[in-house]
Amino acid sequence: MIIRRMQEGDIASVESLMLRNWDEVLPLHHSPQIVAHFRAEVSSGWLKRQMERKRVFVVERDGEIIATGALANFGSLEKPKHTVSQFFVRPDAQR
């Protein structure tokens, strides 16, 4: 398994991974309205903007992306507020 920074060439795979989670996993835990709202945000443009604002990572297994997550500072340089953000694992790789 390899953990590395997400690159622009990963966007389509990460978008697909996130949408699978919104379709297959998250409806078990959230209302249809919440799922629809957050699922609608996921796009290649949105992911590109996330890469500019956060440190976005992917996890590869056998050359395939199976997870993604980001580290974000929602505070400031003087008063950081680091958060794990947008963490998704391919549904069939979850346990």
PDB file of N, CA and C in Angstrom:
ATOM      1  N   MET A   1       0.836  -1.166   0.000  1.00  0.00           N
ATOM      2  CA  MET A   1       0.000   0.000   0.000  1.00  0.00           C
ATOM      3  C   MET A   1       0.891   1.241   0.000  1.00  0.00           C
ATOM      4  N   ILE A   2       0.478   2.233  -0.771  1.00  0.00           N
ATOM      5  CA  ILE A   2       1.221   3.485  -0.876  1.00  0.00           C
ATOM      6  C   ILE A   2       0.277   4.635  -0.546  1.00  0.00           C
ATOM      7  N   ILE A   3       0.734   5.554   0.294  1.00  0.00           N
ATOM      8  CA  ILE A   3      -0.003   6.791   0.572  1.00  0.00           C
ATOM      9  C   ILE A   3       0.812   7.919  -0.039  1.00  0.00           C
ATOM     10  N   ARG A   4       0.152   8.731  -0.872  1.00  0.00           N
ATOM     11  CA  ARG A   4       0.859   9.824  -1.537  1.00  0.00           C
ATOM     12  C   ARG A   4      -0.089  10.994  -1.755  1.00  0.00           C
ATOM     13  N   ARG A   5       0.477  12.144  -2.089  1.00  0.00           N
ATOM     14  CA  ARG A   5      -0.334  13.313  -2.410  1.00  0.00           C
ATOM     15  C   ARG A   5      -1.119  13.042  -3.686  1.00  0.00           C
ATOM     16  N   MET A   6      -2.333  13.510  -3.711  1.00  0.00           N
ATOM     17  CA  MET A   6      -3.172  13.389  -4.895  1.00  0.00           C
ATOM     18  C   MET A   6      -2.629  14.291  -6.001  1.00  0.00           C
ATOM     19  N   GLN A   7      -2.706  13.793  -7.238  1.00  0.00           N
ATOM     20  CA  GLN A   7      -2.272  14.546  -8.410  1.00  0.00           C
ATOM     21  C   GLN A   7      -3.472  14.760  -9.332  1.00  0.00           C
ATOM     22  N   GLU A   8      -3.353  15.698 -10.248  1.00  0.00           N
ATOM     23  CA  GLU A   8      -4.470  15.982 -11.154  1.00  0.00           C
ATOM     24  C   GLU A   8      -4.917  14.740 -11.916  1.00  0.00           C
ATOM     25  N   GLY A   9      -3.985  13.873 -12.262  1.00  0.00           N
ATOM     26  CA  GLY A   9      -4.329  12.644 -12.974  1.00  0.00           C
ATOM     27  C   GLY A   9      -5.170  11.676 -12.157  1.00  0.00           C
ATOM     28  N   ASP A  10      -5.297  11.908 -10.861  1.00  0.00           N
ATOM     29  CA  ASP A  10      -6.081  11.046  -9.967  1.00  0.00           C
ATOM     30  C   ASP A  10      -7.534  11.498  -9.845  1.00  0.00           C
ATOM     31  N   ILE A  11      -7.851  12.675 -10.347  1.00  0.00           N
ATOM     32  CA  ILE A  11      -9.157  13.281 -10.079  1.00  0.00           C
ATOM     33  C   ILE A  11     -10.311  12.371 -10.486  1.00  0.00           C
ATOM     34  N   ALA A  12     -10.286  11.787 -11.673  1.00  0.00           N
ATOM     35  CA  ALA A  12     -11.404  10.943 -12.124  1.00  0.00           C
ATOM     36  C   ALA A  12     -11.592   9.737 -11.204  1.00  0.00           C
ATOM     37  N   SER A  13     -10.504   9.100 -10.792  1.00  0.00           N
ATOM     38  CA  SER A  13     -10.594   7.936  -9.894  1.00  0.00           C
ATOM     39  C   SER A  13     -11.134   8.329  -8.524  1.00  0.00           C
ATOM     40  N   VAL A  14     -10.671   9.464  -8.006  1.00  0.00           N
ATOM     41  CA  VAL A  14     -11.128   9.910  -6.690  1.00  0.00           C
ATOM     42  C   VAL A  14     -12.590  10.332  -6.755  1.00  0.00           C
ATOM     43  N   GLU A  15     -12.984  11.002  -7.817  1.00  0.00           N
ATOM     44  CA  GLU A  15     -14.390  11.384  -7.982  1.00  0.00           C
ATOM     45  C   GLU A  15     -15.279  10.143  -7.993  1.00  0.00           C
ATOM     46  N   SER A  16     -14.890   9.135  -8.743  1.00  0.00           N
ATOM     47  CA  SER A  16     -15.657   7.886  -8.799  1.00  0.00           C
ATOM     48  C   SER A  16     -15.725   7.217  -7.426  1.00  0.00           C
ATOM     49  N   LEU A  17     -14.607   7.189  -6.721  1.00  0.00           N
ATOM     50  CA  LEU A  17     -14.548   6.597  -5.381  1.00  0.00           C
ATOM     51  C   LEU A  17     -15.493   7.312  -4.426  1.00  0.00           C
ATOM     52  N   MET A  18     -15.485   8.633  -4.452  1.00  0.00           N
ATOM     53  CA  MET A  18     -16.347   9.395  -3.557  1.00  0.00           C
ATOM     54  C   MET A  18     -17.827   9.184  -3.904  1.00  0.00           C
ATOM     55  N   LEU A  19     -18.150   9.193  -5.190  1.00  0.00           N
ATOM     56  CA  LEU A  19     -19.553   8.996  -5.579  1.00  0.00           C
ATOM     57  C   LEU A  19     -20.043   7.600  -5.203  1.00  0.00           C
ATOM     58  N   ARG A  20     -19.185   6.594  -5.321  1.00  0.00           N
ATOM     59  CA  ARG A  20     -19.582   5.245  -4.873  1.00  0.00           C
ATOM     60  C   ARG A  20     -19.935   5.252  -3.392  1.00  0.00           C
ATOM     61  N   ASN A  21     -19.167   5.970  -2.587  1.00  0.00           N
ATOM     62  CA  ASN A  21     -19.472   6.051  -1.160  1.00  0.00           C
ATOM     63  C   ASN A  21     -20.806   6.732  -0.923  1.00  0.00           C
ATOM     64  N   TRP A  22     -21.054   7.838  -1.642  1.00  0.00           N
ATOM     65  CA  TRP A  22     -22.331   8.533  -1.478  1.00  0.00           C
ATOM     66  C   TRP A  22     -23.497   7.672  -1.940  1.00  0.00           C
ATOM     67  N   ASP A  23     -23.291   6.801  -2.910  1.00  0.00           N
ATOM     68  CA  ASP A  23     -24.366   5.940  -3.414  1.00  0.00           C
ATOM     69  C   ASP A  23     -24.556   4.658  -2.599  1.00  0.00           C
ATOM     70  N   GLU A  24     -23.456   4.068  -2.132  1.00  0.00           N
ATOM     71  CA  GLU A  24     -23.517   2.724  -1.541  1.00  0.00           C
ATOM     72  C   GLU A  24     -23.428   2.680  -0.017  1.00  0.00           C
ATOM     73  N   VAL A  25     -22.725   3.621   0.583  1.00  0.00           N
ATOM     74  CA  VAL A  25     -22.446   3.531   2.022  1.00  0.00           C
ATOM     75  C   VAL A  25     -23.185   4.601   2.821  1.00  0.00           C
ATOM     76  N   LEU A  26     -23.045   5.835   2.424  1.00  0.00           N
ATOM     77  CA  LEU A  26     -23.548   6.935   3.234  1.00  0.00           C
ATOM     78  C   LEU A  26     -25.066   7.003   3.350  1.00  0.00           C
ATOM     79  N   PRO A  27     -25.845   6.475   2.387  1.00  0.00           N
ATOM     80  CA  PRO A  27     -27.303   6.450   2.599  1.00  0.00           C
ATOM     81  C   PRO A  27     -27.721   5.595   3.809  1.00  0.00           C
ATOM     82  N   LEU A  28     -26.835   4.717   4.248  1.00  0.00           N
ATOM     83  CA  LEU A  28     -27.133   3.902   5.431  1.00  0.00           C
ATOM     84  C   LEU A  28     -27.055   4.731   6.716  1.00  0.00           C
ATOM     85  N   HIS A  29     -26.417   5.910   6.628  1.00  0.00           N
ATOM     86  CA  HIS A  29     -26.154   6.709   7.824  1.00  0.00           C
ATOM     87  C   HIS A  29     -26.713   8.131   7.771  1.00  0.00           C
ATOM     88  N   HIS A  30     -27.153   8.553   6.593  1.00  0.00           N
ATOM     89  CA  HIS A  30     -27.625   9.933   6.429  1.00  0.00           C
ATOM     90  C   HIS A  30     -28.947   9.961   5.678  1.00  0.00           C
ATOM     91  N   SER A  31     -29.675  11.037   5.833  1.00  0.00           N
ATOM     92  CA  SER A  31     -30.961  11.202   5.157  1.00  0.00           C
ATOM     93  C   SER A  31     -30.745  11.396   3.655  1.00  0.00           C
ATOM     94  N   PRO A  32     -31.767  11.101   2.861  1.00  0.00           N
ATOM     95  CA  PRO A  32     -31.651  11.324   1.415  1.00  0.00           C
ATOM     96  C   PRO A  32     -31.303  12.773   1.065  1.00  0.00           C
ATOM     97  N   GLN A  33     -31.797  13.720   1.840  1.00  0.00           N
ATOM     98  CA  GLN A  33     -31.509  15.130   1.572  1.00  0.00           C
ATOM     99  C   GLN A  33     -30.022  15.446   1.783  1.00  0.00           C
ATOM    100  N   ILE A  34     -29.461  14.926   2.853  1.00  0.00           N
ATOM    101  CA  ILE A  34     -28.037  15.151   3.135  1.00  0.00           C
ATOM    102  C   ILE A  34     -27.185  14.503   2.051  1.00  0.00           C
ATOM    103  N   VAL A  35     -27.510  13.258   1.699  1.00  0.00           N
ATOM    104  CA  VAL A  35     -26.754  12.552   0.660  1.00  0.00           C
ATOM    105  C   VAL A  35     -26.806  13.339  -0.644  1.00  0.00           C
ATOM    106  N   ALA A  36     -27.989  13.763  -1.048  1.00  0.00           N
ATOM    107  CA  ALA A  36     -28.144  14.499  -2.312  1.00  0.00           C
ATOM    108  C   ALA A  36     -27.346  15.803  -2.282  1.00  0.00           C
ATOM    109  N   HIS A  37     -27.392  16.503  -1.163  1.00  0.00           N
ATOM    110  CA  HIS A  37     -26.683  17.785  -1.049  1.00  0.00           C
ATOM    111  C   HIS A  37     -25.179  17.602  -1.230  1.00  0.00           C
ATOM    112  N   PHE A  38     -24.583  16.707  -0.449  1.00  0.00           N
ATOM    113  CA  PHE A  38     -23.135  16.557  -0.489  1.00  0.00           C
ATOM    114  C   PHE A  38     -22.661  15.814  -1.738  1.00  0.00           C
ATOM    115  N   ARG A  39     -23.466  14.872  -2.240  1.00  0.00           N
ATOM    116  CA  ARG A  39     -23.109  14.162  -3.464  1.00  0.00           C
ATOM    117  C   ARG A  39     -23.034  15.147  -4.627  1.00  0.00           C
ATOM    118  N   ALA A  40     -23.937  16.117  -4.650  1.00  0.00           N
ATOM    119  CA  ALA A  40     -23.977  17.096  -5.737  1.00  0.00           C
ATOM    120  C   ALA A  40     -22.723  17.978  -5.770  1.00  0.00           C
ATOM    121  N   GLU A  41     -22.007  18.089  -4.661  1.00  0.00           N
ATOM    122  CA  GLU A  41     -20.777  18.894  -4.629  1.00  0.00           C
ATOM    123  C   GLU A  41     -19.623  18.229  -5.366  1.00  0.00           C
ATOM    124  N   VAL A  42     -19.627  16.905  -5.436  1.00  0.00           N
ATOM    125  CA  VAL A  42     -18.480  16.170  -5.958  1.00  0.00           C
ATOM    126  C   VAL A  42     -18.405  16.318  -7.479  1.00  0.00           C
ATOM    127  N   SER A  43     -17.315  16.927  -7.928  1.00  0.00           N
ATOM    128  CA  SER A  43     -17.048  17.073  -9.357  1.00  0.00           C
ATOM    129  C   SER A  43     -15.543  17.227  -9.536  1.00  0.00           C
ATOM    130  N   SER A  44     -15.085  17.121 -10.758  1.00  0.00           N
ATOM    131  CA  SER A  44     -13.650  17.275 -10.996  1.00  0.00           C
ATOM    132  C   SER A  44     -13.186  18.688 -10.630  1.00  0.00           C
ATOM    133  N   GLY A  45     -13.995  19.700 -10.915  1.00  0.00           N
ATOM    134  CA  GLY A  45     -13.632  21.066 -10.557  1.00  0.00           C
ATOM    135  C   GLY A  45     -13.548  21.264  -9.059  1.00  0.00           C
ATOM    136  N   TRP A  46     -14.500  20.682  -8.344  1.00  0.00           N
ATOM    137  CA  TRP A  46     -14.509  20.774  -6.882  1.00  0.00           C
ATOM    138  C   TRP A  46     -13.258  20.098  -6.307  1.00  0.00           C
ATOM    139  N   LEU A  47     -12.906  18.915  -6.848  1.00  0.00           N
ATOM    140  CA  LEU A  47     -11.723  18.218  -6.352  1.00  0.00           C
ATOM    141  C   LEU A  47     -10.455  19.014  -6.636  1.00  0.00           C
ATOM    142  N   LYS A  48     -10.394  19.641  -7.780  1.00  0.00           N
ATOM    143  CA  LYS A  48      -9.229  20.467  -8.110  1.00  0.00           C
ATOM    144  C   LYS A  48      -9.100  21.610  -7.105  1.00  0.00           C
ATOM    145  N   ARG A  49     -10.217  22.236  -6.763  1.00  0.00           N
ATOM    146  CA  ARG A  49     -10.186  23.321  -5.764  1.00  0.00           C
ATOM    147  C   ARG A  49      -9.775  22.784  -4.393  1.00  0.00           C
ATOM    148  N   GLN A  50     -10.227  21.579  -4.047  1.00  0.00           N
ATOM    149  CA  GLN A  50      -9.834  20.972  -2.772  1.00  0.00           C
ATOM    150  C   GLN A  50      -8.322  20.772  -2.718  1.00  0.00           C
ATOM    151  N   MET A  51      -7.744  20.352  -3.845  1.00  0.00           N
ATOM    152  CA  MET A  51      -6.298  20.137  -3.914  1.00  0.00           C
ATOM    153  C   MET A  51      -5.524  21.439  -3.706  1.00  0.00           C
ATOM    154  N   GLU A  52      -6.113  22.567  -4.066  1.00  0.00           N
ATOM    155  CA  GLU A  52      -5.452  23.860  -3.888  1.00  0.00           C
ATOM    156  C   GLU A  52      -5.528  24.331  -2.436  1.00  0.00           C
ATOM    157  N   ARG A  53      -6.609  23.958  -1.729  1.00  0.00           N
ATOM    158  CA  ARG A  53      -6.835  24.462  -0.374  1.00  0.00           C
ATOM    159  C   ARG A  53      -6.381  23.505   0.726  1.00  0.00           C
ATOM    160  N   LYS A  54      -6.289  22.222   0.392  1.00  0.00           N
ATOM    161  CA  LYS A  54      -5.987  21.209   1.399  1.00  0.00           C
ATOM    162  C   LYS A  54      -4.845  20.328   0.914  1.00  0.00           C
ATOM    163  N   ARG A  55      -4.299  19.559   1.825  1.00  0.00           N
ATOM    164  CA  ARG A  55      -3.328  18.532   1.451  1.00  0.00           C
ATOM    165  C   ARG A  55      -4.124  17.243   1.261  1.00  0.00           C
ATOM    166  N   VAL A  56      -4.419  16.913   0.020  1.00  0.00           N
ATOM    167  CA  VAL A  56      -5.255  15.760  -0.308  1.00  0.00           C
ATOM    168  C   VAL A  56      -4.348  14.577  -0.631  1.00  0.00           C
ATOM    169  N   PHE A  57      -4.676  13.428  -0.038  1.00  0.00           N
ATOM    170  CA  PHE A  57      -3.884  12.217  -0.215  1.00  0.00           C
ATOM    171  C   PHE A  57      -4.736  11.116  -0.832  1.00  0.00           C
ATOM    172  N   VAL A  58      -4.067  10.157  -1.461  1.00  0.00           N
ATOM    173  CA  VAL A  58      -4.720   8.942  -1.923  1.00  0.00           C
ATOM    174  C   VAL A  58      -3.947   7.750  -1.379  1.00  0.00           C
ATOM    175  N   VAL A  59      -4.668   6.639  -1.249  1.00  0.00           N
ATOM    176  CA  VAL A  59      -4.058   5.375  -0.863  1.00  0.00           C
ATOM    177  C   VAL A  59      -4.187   4.454  -2.061  1.00  0.00           C
ATOM    178  N   GLU A  60      -3.052   3.904  -2.497  1.00  0.00           N
ATOM    179  CA  GLU A  60      -3.039   2.984  -3.621  1.00  0.00           C
ATOM    180  C   GLU A  60      -2.733   1.579  -3.138  1.00  0.00           C
ATOM    181  N   ARG A  61      -3.424   0.629  -3.726  1.00  0.00           N
ATOM    182  CA  ARG A  61      -3.113  -0.789  -3.503  1.00  0.00           C
ATOM    183  C   ARG A  61      -3.065  -1.423  -4.882  1.00  0.00           C
ATOM    184  N   ASP A  62      -1.957  -2.060  -5.197  1.00  0.00           N
ATOM    185  CA  ASP A  62      -1.762  -2.693  -6.508  1.00  0.00           C
ATOM    186  C   ASP A  62      -2.037  -1.710  -7.650  1.00  0.00           C
ATOM    187  N   GLY A  63      -1.608  -0.458  -7.477  1.00  0.00           N
ATOM    188  CA  GLY A  63      -1.737   0.545  -8.515  1.00  0.00           C
ATOM    189  C   GLY A  63      -3.116   1.160  -8.662  1.00  0.00           C
ATOM    190  N   GLU A  64      -4.046   0.801  -7.775  1.00  0.00           N
ATOM    191  CA  GLU A  64      -5.406   1.327  -7.848  1.00  0.00           C
ATOM    192  C   GLU A  64      -5.713   2.145  -6.601  1.00  0.00           C
ATOM    193  N   ILE A  65      -6.353   3.286  -6.787  1.00  0.00           N
ATOM    194  CA  ILE A  65      -6.715   4.140  -5.658  1.00  0.00           C
ATOM    195  C   ILE A  65      -7.895   3.515  -4.914  1.00  0.00           C
ATOM    196  N   ILE A  66      -7.688   3.246  -3.621  1.00  0.00           N
ATOM    197  CA  ILE A  66      -8.745   2.627  -2.813  1.00  0.00           C
ATOM    198  C   ILE A  66      -9.246   3.535  -1.692  1.00  0.00           C
ATOM    199  N   ALA A  67      -8.561   4.665  -1.483  1.00  0.00           N
ATOM    200  CA  ALA A  67      -9.006   5.582  -0.424  1.00  0.00           C
ATOM    201  C   ALA A  67      -8.464   6.974  -0.706  1.00  0.00           C
ATOM    202  N   THR A  68      -9.120   7.951  -0.100  1.00  0.00           N
ATOM    203  CA  THR A  68      -8.664   9.330  -0.188  1.00  0.00           C
ATOM    204  C   THR A  68      -9.034  10.054   1.099  1.00  0.00           C
ATOM    205  N   GLY A  69      -8.283  11.062   1.393  1.00  0.00           N
ATOM    206  CA  GLY A  69      -8.564  11.897   2.554  1.00  0.00           C
ATOM    207  C   GLY A  69      -7.718  13.148   2.480  1.00  0.00           C
ATOM    208  N   ALA A  70      -8.091  14.147   3.242  1.00  0.00           N
ATOM    209  CA  ALA A  70      -7.374  15.411   3.193  1.00  0.00           C
ATOM    210  C   ALA A  70      -7.072  15.907   4.596  1.00  0.00           C
ATOM    211  N   LEU A  71      -6.029  16.674   4.687  1.00  0.00           N
ATOM    212  CA  LEU A  71      -5.703  17.406   5.904  1.00  0.00           C
ATOM    213  C   LEU A  71      -5.927  18.875   5.593  1.00  0.00           C
ATOM    214  N   ALA A  72      -6.692  19.534   6.421  1.00  0.00           N
ATOM    215  CA  ALA A  72      -7.021  20.938   6.192  1.00  0.00           C
ATOM    216  C   ALA A  72      -6.742  21.734   7.453  1.00  0.00           C
ATOM    217  N   ASN A  73      -6.331  22.971   7.266  1.00  0.00           N
ATOM    218  CA  ASN A  73      -6.168  23.897   8.374  1.00  0.00           C
ATOM    219  C   ASN A  73      -7.302  24.914   8.260  1.00  0.00           C
ATOM    220  N   PHE A  74      -8.320  24.769   9.092  1.00  0.00           N
ATOM    221  CA  PHE A  74      -9.441  25.694   9.082  1.00  0.00           C
ATOM    222  C   PHE A  74      -9.211  26.867  10.033  1.00  0.00           C
ATOM    223  N   GLY A  75      -8.000  26.946  10.558  1.00  0.00           N
ATOM    224  CA  GLY A  75      -7.636  28.070  11.400  1.00  0.00           C
ATOM    225  C   GLY A  75      -6.717  28.999  10.636  1.00  0.00           C
ATOM    226  N   SER A  76      -5.669  29.459  11.306  1.00  0.00           N
ATOM    227  CA  SER A  76      -4.696  30.358  10.691  1.00  0.00           C
ATOM    228  C   SER A  76      -3.300  29.817  10.970  1.00  0.00           C
ATOM    229  N   LEU A  77      -2.287  30.477  10.413  1.00  0.00           N
ATOM    230  CA  LEU A  77      -0.918  30.054  10.699  1.00  0.00           C
ATOM    231  C   LEU A  77      -0.593  30.246  12.171  1.00  0.00           C
ATOM    232  N   GLU A  78      -1.111  31.330  12.758  1.00  0.00           N
ATOM    233  CA  GLU A  78      -0.845  31.612  14.167  1.00  0.00           C
ATOM    234  C   GLU A  78      -1.646  30.700  15.096  1.00  0.00           C
ATOM    235  N   LYS A  79      -2.858  30.367  14.702  1.00  0.00           N
ATOM    236  CA  LYS A  79      -3.745  29.534  15.511  1.00  0.00           C
ATOM    237  C   LYS A  79      -4.330  28.432  14.627  1.00  0.00           C
ATOM    238  N   PRO A  80      -3.535  27.389  14.326  1.00  0.00           N
ATOM    239  CA  PRO A  80      -4.016  26.344  13.416  1.00  0.00           C
ATOM    240  C   PRO A  80      -5.161  25.530  14.009  1.00  0.00           C
ATOM    241  N   LYS A  81      -5.991  25.055  13.129  1.00  0.00           N
ATOM    242  CA  LYS A  81      -7.089  24.171  13.502  1.00  0.00           C
ATOM    243  C   LYS A  81      -7.115  23.057  12.446  1.00  0.00           C
ATOM    244  N   HIS A  82      -6.209  22.090  12.629  1.00  0.00           N
ATOM    245  CA  HIS A  82      -6.045  21.013  11.659  1.00  0.00           C
ATOM    246  C   HIS A  82      -7.170  19.984  11.786  1.00  0.00           C
ATOM    247  N   THR A  83      -7.663  19.551  10.637  1.00  0.00           N
ATOM    248  CA  THR A  83      -8.793  18.634  10.592  1.00  0.00           C
ATOM    249  C   THR A  83      -8.584  17.605   9.483  1.00  0.00           C
ATOM    250  N   VAL A  84      -9.010  16.366   9.740  1.00  0.00           N
ATOM    251  CA  VAL A  84      -9.081  15.358   8.678  1.00  0.00           C
ATOM    252  C   VAL A  84     -10.391  15.617   7.941  1.00  0.00           C
ATOM    253  N   SER A  85     -10.317  15.696   6.632  1.00  0.00           N
ATOM    254  CA  SER A  85     -11.463  16.112   5.838  1.00  0.00           C
ATOM    255  C   SER A  85     -11.643  15.180   4.645  1.00  0.00           C
ATOM    256  N   GLN A  86     -12.888  14.983   4.242  1.00  0.00           N
ATOM    257  CA  GLN A  86     -13.198  14.232   3.027  1.00  0.00           C
ATOM    258  C   GLN A  86     -12.488  12.881   2.974  1.00  0.00           C
ATOM    259  N   PHE A  87     -12.711  12.051   3.972  1.00  0.00           N
ATOM    260  CA  PHE A  87     -12.075  10.737   4.056  1.00  0.00           C
ATOM    261  C   PHE A  87     -13.035   9.696   3.492  1.00  0.00           C
ATOM    262  N   PHE A  88     -12.613   9.001   2.432  1.00  0.00           N
ATOM    263  CA  PHE A  88     -13.442   7.978   1.793  1.00  0.00           C
ATOM    264  C   PHE A  88     -12.611   6.753   1.479  1.00  0.00           C
ATOM    265  N   VAL A  89     -13.194   5.571   1.668  1.00  0.00           N
ATOM    266  CA  VAL A  89     -12.566   4.298   1.339  1.00  0.00           C
ATOM    267  C   VAL A  89     -13.481   3.561   0.385  1.00  0.00           C
ATOM    268  N   ARG A  90     -12.908   2.960  -0.651  1.00  0.00           N
ATOM    269  CA  ARG A  90     -13.724   2.207  -1.613  1.00  0.00           C
ATOM    270  C   ARG A  90     -14.623   1.229  -0.850  1.00  0.00           C
ATOM    271  N   PRO A  91     -15.920   1.191  -1.161  1.00  0.00           N
ATOM    272  CA  PRO A  91     -16.859   0.380  -0.371  1.00  0.00           C
ATOM    273  C   PRO A  91     -16.433  -1.087  -0.191  1.00  0.00           C
ATOM    274  N   ASP A  92     -15.923  -1.713  -1.223  1.00  0.00           N
ATOM    275  CA  ASP A  92     -15.549  -3.126  -1.088  1.00  0.00           C
ATOM    276  C   ASP A  92     -14.247  -3.320  -0.327  1.00  0.00           C
ATOM    277  N   ALA A  93     -13.535  -2.235   0.018  1.00  0.00           N
ATOM    278  CA  ALA A  93     -12.313  -2.316   0.806  1.00  0.00           C
ATOM    279  C   ALA A  93     -12.565  -1.962   2.267  1.00  0.00           C
ATOM    280  N   GLN A  94     -13.794  -1.583   2.604  1.00  0.00           N
ATOM    281  CA  GLN A  94     -14.125  -1.234   3.984  1.00  0.00           C
ATOM    282  C   GLN A  94     -14.348  -2.495   4.808  1.00  0.00           C
ATOM    283  N   ARG A  95     -13.985  -2.390   6.079  1.00  0.00           N
ATOM    284  CA  ARG A  95     -14.240  -3.500   7.012  1.00  0.00           C
ATOM    285  C   ARG A  95     -14.729  -2.944   8.308  1.00  0.00           C
TER     286      ARG A  95
END
